[in-house]
Amino acid sequence: MSGIYLHVPYCRTACHYCDFHFSTSMKSVDLYVDAVVKEIQMRSGQTPWSSSVFRTLYLGGGTPSILSVEQTQRIVAGLQCSVNTGDVWSEATIEVNPEDVCSESLRGWLKCGFNRISIGVQSFEDDQLEWMNRKHSSAQAIEAINLAKSEGFEKISIDLIYGLPHRTEQSWDSTIEMAFSLPIDHISCYALTVEPRTVLGARVKKGIESEAPDELVEKDYSELCAKASQMGFNHYEVSNWAKNSPNKAIHNTSYWEGVPYLGLGPGAHGFDGEKRYSVVSNNNTYIRDIGLWRLPDTV
């Protein structure tokens, strides 16, 4: 069973810790959608994708939820027209930010075929969210999770970050207590990593910010592990917890098991079962090359 990862390389603002490929300029979004539909067509005839059956889909980013429902539907329709996706996805995940979640968007994503939603919460502390340069508040995140449940998403995952140097004594305890009180079935949680080509990296280099000590990072992780176990979440991967085994991320588990996956969009990576490839991390170059019917791979 193969999967598809499709990268949406746009964000409204730049989180201070993030070094994924994205642009905060929205001028090329329509051109990007046109280009990624063409890329799907171009790759669909390649070995092994021409004979593969794709059972999982993951729209990551960036911020996929900045796309309109119509743009998202165009991409999904492009996949269904060009590759063998079977009748129904075993798992189709869309990453979203809380500020983009409303009843209309949720119904649109469900109509597009997504049956799993991953909400980028990161923290339930407003001062930490502001420090990260996130656009949403804690209240918006809580509302987004509850609304996703009420509109019909049964599989709801959230992302959290631990090991934050900007904190109060109780901030991490408060965040994990809130997380497990909400109707979620999955948590992905990552230690804050200071990357050199980020705002945070520059601040640490200049001595404006300091990294959290290893002892504090370890303490945060241990507290999360203990709370997750208490709440019936299975720790099935170092950074991932699922409530009951069926709720583990099928698509991401395939990565760890070495299953081939088709990577699409600027900044994406793919694996054909023998070799890996990456797509150029430049939106303008990507759009130009695809317009010339040339795959902009860097490896």
Protein backbone atom coordinates (compact mmCIF):
# COMPACT_ATOMS: atom_id res chain seq x y z
CA MET A 1 0.00 0.00 0.00
CA SER A 2 1.54 3.29 -1.12
CA GLY A 3 0.80 6.77 0.16
CA ILE A 4 0.85 10.30 -1.19
CA TYR A 5 2.40 13.29 0.57
CA LEU A 6 1.50 16.65 -0.95
CA HIS A 7 3.21 19.79 0.33
CA VAL A 8 1.33 23.09 0.44
CA PRO A 9 4.14 25.68 0.78
CA TYR A 10 2.28 28.72 2.11
CA CYS A 11 1.75 30.25 5.55
CA ARG A 12 0.21 33.55 6.58
CA THR A 13 3.04 34.22 9.03
CA ALA A 14 6.39 32.63 9.79
CA CYS A 15 6.54 30.75 13.08
CA HIS A 16 9.80 31.72 14.77
CA TYR A 17 10.98 28.11 15.17
CA CYS A 18 10.00 26.63 11.79
CA ASP A 19 12.47 25.71 9.05
CA PHE A 20 10.08 23.83 6.74
CA HIS A 21 9.73 25.18 3.22
CA PHE A 22 7.02 27.82 2.94
CA SER A 23 6.30 31.33 1.67
CA THR A 24 4.23 34.05 3.34
CA SER A 25 3.43 35.57 -0.06
CA MET A 26 0.09 34.31 -1.39
CA LYS A 27 0.50 35.77 -4.89
CA SER A 28 1.32 32.43 -6.52
CA VAL A 29 -1.23 30.17 -4.79
CA ASP A 30 -3.45 29.77 -7.88
CA LEU A 31 -0.39 29.04 -10.05
CA TYR A 32 0.80 26.52 -7.47
CA VAL A 33 -2.53 24.65 -7.60
CA ASP A 34 -2.32 24.52 -11.41
CA ALA A 35 1.28 23.30 -11.19
CA VAL A 36 0.70 20.57 -8.61
CA VAL A 37 -2.19 19.16 -10.68
CA LYS A 38 0.21 19.00 -13.65
CA GLU A 39 2.89 17.37 -11.49
CA ILE A 40 0.41 14.67 -10.50
CA GLN A 41 -0.19 13.96 -14.20
CA MET A 42 3.56 13.90 -14.94
CA ARG A 43 4.48 11.52 -12.16
CA SER A 44 1.49 9.21 -12.62
CA GLY A 45 3.08 7.53 -15.65
CA GLN A 46 6.40 6.85 -13.92
CA THR A 47 7.50 3.55 -12.44
CA PRO A 48 6.35 2.45 -9.90
CA TRP A 49 3.52 4.98 -9.57
CA SER A 50 1.71 3.87 -12.74
CA SER A 51 0.99 0.49 -11.14
CA SER A 52 0.61 1.58 -7.52
CA VAL A 53 -2.58 1.69 -5.52
CA PHE A 54 -2.53 4.64 -3.14
CA ARG A 55 -4.45 4.15 0.08
CA THR A 56 -3.29 7.14 2.17
CA LEU A 57 -3.10 10.86 1.49
CA TYR A 58 -1.43 13.52 3.61
CA LEU A 59 -1.69 17.25 2.86
CA GLY A 60 1.09 18.90 4.85
CA GLY A 61 2.89 22.18 4.84
CA GLY A 62 3.16 24.97 5.26
CA THR A 63 -0.49 25.45 5.99
CA PRO A 64 -2.84 23.45 3.74
CA SER A 65 -5.87 25.09 5.36
CA ILE A 66 -5.02 28.42 3.69
CA LEU A 67 -6.26 26.91 0.42
CA SER A 68 -9.91 27.44 -0.41
CA VAL A 69 -12.11 24.35 -0.40
CA GLU A 70 -12.38 24.73 -4.19
CA GLN A 71 -8.59 24.73 -4.58
CA THR A 72 -8.29 21.70 -2.31
CA GLN A 73 -10.99 19.91 -4.29
CA ARG A 74 -9.10 20.61 -7.53
CA ILE A 75 -6.01 18.92 -6.13
CA VAL A 76 -7.94 15.91 -4.81
CA ALA A 77 -9.78 15.58 -8.13
CA GLY A 78 -6.42 15.71 -9.92
CA LEU A 79 -5.21 12.80 -7.84
CA GLN A 80 -8.35 10.77 -8.44
CA CYS A 81 -8.11 11.33 -12.19
CA SER A 82 -4.42 10.44 -12.56
CA VAL A 83 -3.51 7.77 -10.00
CA ASN A 84 -5.23 4.71 -8.58
CA THR A 85 -6.65 5.75 -5.21
CA GLY A 86 -9.18 2.96 -4.91
CA ASP A 87 -12.75 3.68 -3.86
CA VAL A 88 -12.11 5.31 -0.47
CA TRP A 89 -8.91 6.44 1.24
CA SER A 90 -7.89 4.25 4.17
CA GLU A 91 -6.67 7.50 5.66
CA ALA A 92 -6.70 11.03 4.25
CA THR A 93 -5.21 13.68 6.55
CA ILE A 94 -5.20 17.45 6.18
CA GLU A 95 -3.07 19.68 8.40
CA VAL A 96 -4.89 22.81 9.52
CA ASN A 97 -4.36 25.82 11.74
CA PRO A 98 -7.02 26.63 14.34
CA GLU A 99 -7.76 30.06 12.88
CA ASP A 100 -8.84 28.46 9.59
CA VAL A 101 -11.33 26.08 11.18
CA CYS A 102 -15.04 26.85 10.87
CA SER A 103 -18.12 24.78 10.08
CA GLU A 104 -17.92 25.63 6.38
CA SER A 105 -14.27 24.65 6.03
CA LEU A 106 -14.73 21.43 7.99
CA ARG A 107 -17.67 20.37 5.84
CA GLY A 108 -15.65 21.20 2.75
CA TRP A 109 -12.70 19.08 3.85
CA LEU A 110 -15.00 16.18 4.64
CA LYS A 111 -16.58 16.54 1.19
CA CYS A 112 -13.09 16.42 -0.35
CA GLY A 113 -12.65 12.99 1.26
CA PHE A 114 -10.51 13.81 4.28
CA ASN A 115 -11.31 11.55 7.21
CA ARG A 116 -8.55 12.70 9.56
CA ILE A 117 -7.56 16.20 10.66
CA SER A 118 -4.28 17.30 12.23
CA ILE A 119 -4.59 20.60 14.08
CA GLY A 120 -1.46 22.64 14.75
CA VAL A 121 -2.04 23.68 18.36
CA GLN A 122 1.58 23.70 19.70
CA SER A 123 0.52 25.15 23.08
CA PHE A 124 -2.59 26.08 25.06
CA GLU A 125 -0.78 29.07 26.61
CA ASP A 126 -1.43 32.38 24.85
CA ASP A 127 1.88 33.97 25.80
CA GLN A 128 3.74 30.99 24.35
CA LEU A 129 1.71 31.14 21.14
CA GLU A 130 2.56 34.83 20.80
CA TRP A 131 6.25 34.06 21.45
CA MET A 132 6.15 31.47 18.64
CA ASN A 133 4.40 33.97 16.32
CA ARG A 134 1.37 31.75 15.96
CA LYS A 135 -1.82 33.40 14.65
CA HIS A 136 -4.31 31.63 16.89
CA SER A 137 -5.20 31.78 20.57
CA SER A 138 -5.72 28.95 23.02
CA ALA A 139 -9.47 29.58 22.89
CA GLN A 140 -9.45 29.27 19.09
CA ALA A 141 -7.60 25.96 19.31
CA ILE A 142 -10.08 24.54 21.82
CA GLU A 143 -13.00 25.72 19.70
CA ALA A 144 -11.45 24.24 16.53
CA ILE A 145 -11.02 20.80 18.13
CA ASN A 146 -14.55 20.70 19.51
CA LEU A 147 -16.02 21.95 16.23
CA ALA A 148 -14.11 19.35 14.21
CA LYS A 149 -15.65 16.66 16.39
CA SER A 150 -19.16 18.06 16.15
CA GLU A 151 -18.96 18.39 12.35
CA GLY A 152 -18.06 14.73 11.91
CA PHE A 153 -14.30 14.22 12.13
CA GLU A 154 -13.77 11.05 14.14
CA LYS A 155 -9.97 11.09 13.81
CA ILE A 156 -8.53 14.27 15.34
CA SER A 157 -4.83 14.71 15.98
CA ILE A 158 -3.08 17.70 17.52
CA ASP A 159 0.54 18.85 17.46
CA LEU A 160 2.26 20.09 20.61
CA ILE A 161 5.78 21.37 21.29
CA TYR A 162 7.62 20.69 24.55
CA GLY A 163 10.91 21.99 25.89
CA LEU A 164 9.94 25.63 25.43
CA PRO A 165 12.24 28.10 27.20
CA HIS A 166 9.47 30.71 27.35
CA ARG A 167 7.25 29.37 30.12
CA THR A 168 5.76 29.61 33.55
CA GLU A 169 6.18 26.87 36.12
CA GLN A 170 2.77 25.38 35.30
CA SER A 171 2.53 26.06 31.55
CA TRP A 172 3.41 22.56 30.31
CA ASP A 173 1.20 20.87 32.91
CA SER A 174 -1.67 23.14 31.86
CA THR A 175 -1.15 22.39 28.17
CA ILE A 176 -1.18 18.60 28.53
CA GLU A 177 -4.10 18.67 30.96
CA MET A 178 -6.10 20.67 28.44
CA ALA A 179 -5.03 18.45 25.53
CA PHE A 180 -6.27 15.25 27.14
CA SER A 181 -9.56 16.86 28.19
CA LEU A 182 -10.51 17.41 24.54
CA PRO A 183 -12.08 14.97 22.02
CA ILE A 184 -8.85 13.88 20.32
CA ASP A 185 -7.58 10.41 19.50
CA HIS A 186 -3.96 11.25 18.62
CA ILE A 187 -1.11 13.53 19.71
CA SER A 188 2.14 14.29 17.90
CA CYS A 189 4.56 16.05 20.21
CA TYR A 190 8.04 17.32 19.36
CA ALA A 191 10.85 18.90 21.33
CA LEU A 192 11.60 22.46 20.32
CA THR A 193 14.62 22.38 18.00
CA VAL A 194 16.63 25.54 17.43
CA GLU A 195 17.31 25.64 13.69
CA PRO A 196 19.92 28.12 12.38
CA ARG A 197 17.83 29.57 9.54
CA THR A 198 14.94 30.71 11.74
CA VAL A 199 14.08 33.75 13.84
CA LEU A 200 14.60 31.68 16.98
CA GLY A 201 17.96 30.43 15.71
CA ALA A 202 19.13 33.99 15.08
CA ARG A 203 17.99 35.09 18.54
CA VAL A 204 19.80 32.21 20.25
CA LYS A 205 22.96 32.96 18.27
CA LYS A 206 22.82 36.61 19.37
CA GLY A 207 22.20 35.64 22.99
CA ILE A 208 18.70 37.16 23.03
CA GLU A 209 17.13 33.76 23.74
CA SER A 210 18.43 30.65 25.48
CA GLU A 211 17.55 27.03 24.82
CA ALA A 212 15.76 25.13 27.55
CA PRO A 213 18.16 22.93 29.55
CA ASP A 214 18.17 19.22 28.72
CA GLU A 215 16.83 18.37 32.17
CA LEU A 216 13.72 20.47 31.55
CA VAL A 217 13.16 18.97 28.09
CA GLU A 218 13.44 15.47 29.56
CA LYS A 219 11.05 16.38 32.38
CA ASP A 220 8.42 17.69 29.91
CA TYR A 221 8.67 14.51 27.85
CA SER A 222 8.39 12.24 30.88
CA GLU A 223 5.32 14.11 32.12
CA LEU A 224 3.66 13.76 28.72
CA CYS A 225 4.42 10.04 28.55
CA ALA A 226 2.97 9.49 32.02
CA LYS A 227 -0.19 11.50 31.33
CA ALA A 228 -0.75 9.83 27.94
CA SER A 229 -0.47 6.37 29.50
CA GLN A 230 -2.88 7.37 32.26
CA MET A 231 -5.40 8.54 29.63
CA GLY A 232 -5.19 5.32 27.60
CA PHE A 233 -2.98 6.58 24.76
CA ASN A 234 -0.58 4.06 23.22
CA HIS A 235 2.99 5.37 22.79
CA TYR A 236 3.57 3.73 19.40
CA GLU A 237 6.41 5.96 18.15
CA VAL A 238 8.85 8.26 19.93
CA SER A 239 6.82 11.42 19.19
CA ASN A 240 3.35 9.94 18.68
CA TRP A 241 0.54 8.69 20.92
CA ALA A 242 -2.75 7.14 19.81
CA LYS A 243 -5.88 6.36 21.77
CA ASN A 244 -6.21 2.66 20.96
CA SER A 245 -4.03 1.08 18.26
CA PRO A 246 -6.45 1.61 15.32
CA ASN A 247 -6.02 5.38 15.71
CA LYS A 248 -2.30 5.47 15.00
CA ALA A 249 -1.33 7.47 11.90
CA ILE A 250 -1.37 4.97 9.04
CA HIS A 251 0.38 7.27 6.57
CA ASN A 252 3.22 8.28 8.90
CA THR A 253 3.69 4.71 10.09
CA SER A 254 4.31 3.75 6.46
CA TYR A 255 7.28 6.15 6.37
CA TRP A 256 8.88 4.39 9.32
CA GLU A 257 8.24 0.98 7.75
CA GLY A 258 9.93 1.94 4.47
CA VAL A 259 6.78 1.84 2.34
CA PRO A 260 7.04 3.77 -0.98
CA TYR A 261 5.26 7.12 -1.10
CA LEU A 262 4.72 9.71 -3.79
CA GLY A 263 5.91 13.20 -2.83
CA LEU A 264 4.34 16.17 -4.60
CA GLY A 265 4.78 19.94 -4.40
CA PRO A 266 7.77 22.20 -3.72
CA GLY A 267 9.76 21.01 -0.71
CA ALA A 268 8.24 17.51 -0.76
CA HIS A 269 10.22 14.27 -0.61
CA GLY A 270 9.30 10.91 -2.10
CA PHE A 271 10.50 7.30 -2.06
CA ASP A 272 9.88 4.85 -4.90
CA GLY A 273 10.99 1.77 -2.95
CA GLU A 274 14.60 2.00 -4.14
CA LYS A 275 15.64 5.63 -4.16
CA ARG A 276 14.51 8.86 -2.59
CA TYR A 277 13.96 12.16 -4.30
CA SER A 278 13.17 15.73 -3.27
CA VAL A 279 11.32 18.44 -5.12
CA VAL A 280 12.96 21.87 -5.32
CA SER A 281 12.22 24.09 -2.32
CA ASN A 282 11.44 27.18 -4.35
CA ASN A 283 7.88 28.01 -5.36
CA ASN A 284 8.73 30.13 -8.41
CA THR A 285 11.21 27.57 -9.77
CA TYR A 286 8.70 24.80 -9.18
CA ILE A 287 5.90 26.62 -11.01
CA ARG A 288 8.21 27.57 -13.90
CA ASP A 289 9.60 24.05 -14.39
CA ILE A 290 6.22 22.35 -14.17
CA GLY A 291 4.93 24.88 -16.71
CA LEU A 292 7.65 23.57 -19.04
CA TRP A 293 6.55 19.99 -18.23
CA ARG A 294 9.85 19.40 -16.44
CA LEU A 295 9.99 17.76 -13.03
CA PRO A 296 11.96 20.06 -10.69
CA ASP A 297 13.66 17.32 -8.64
CA THR A 298 16.87 18.11 -6.78
CA VAL A 299 17.98 14.52 -6.05
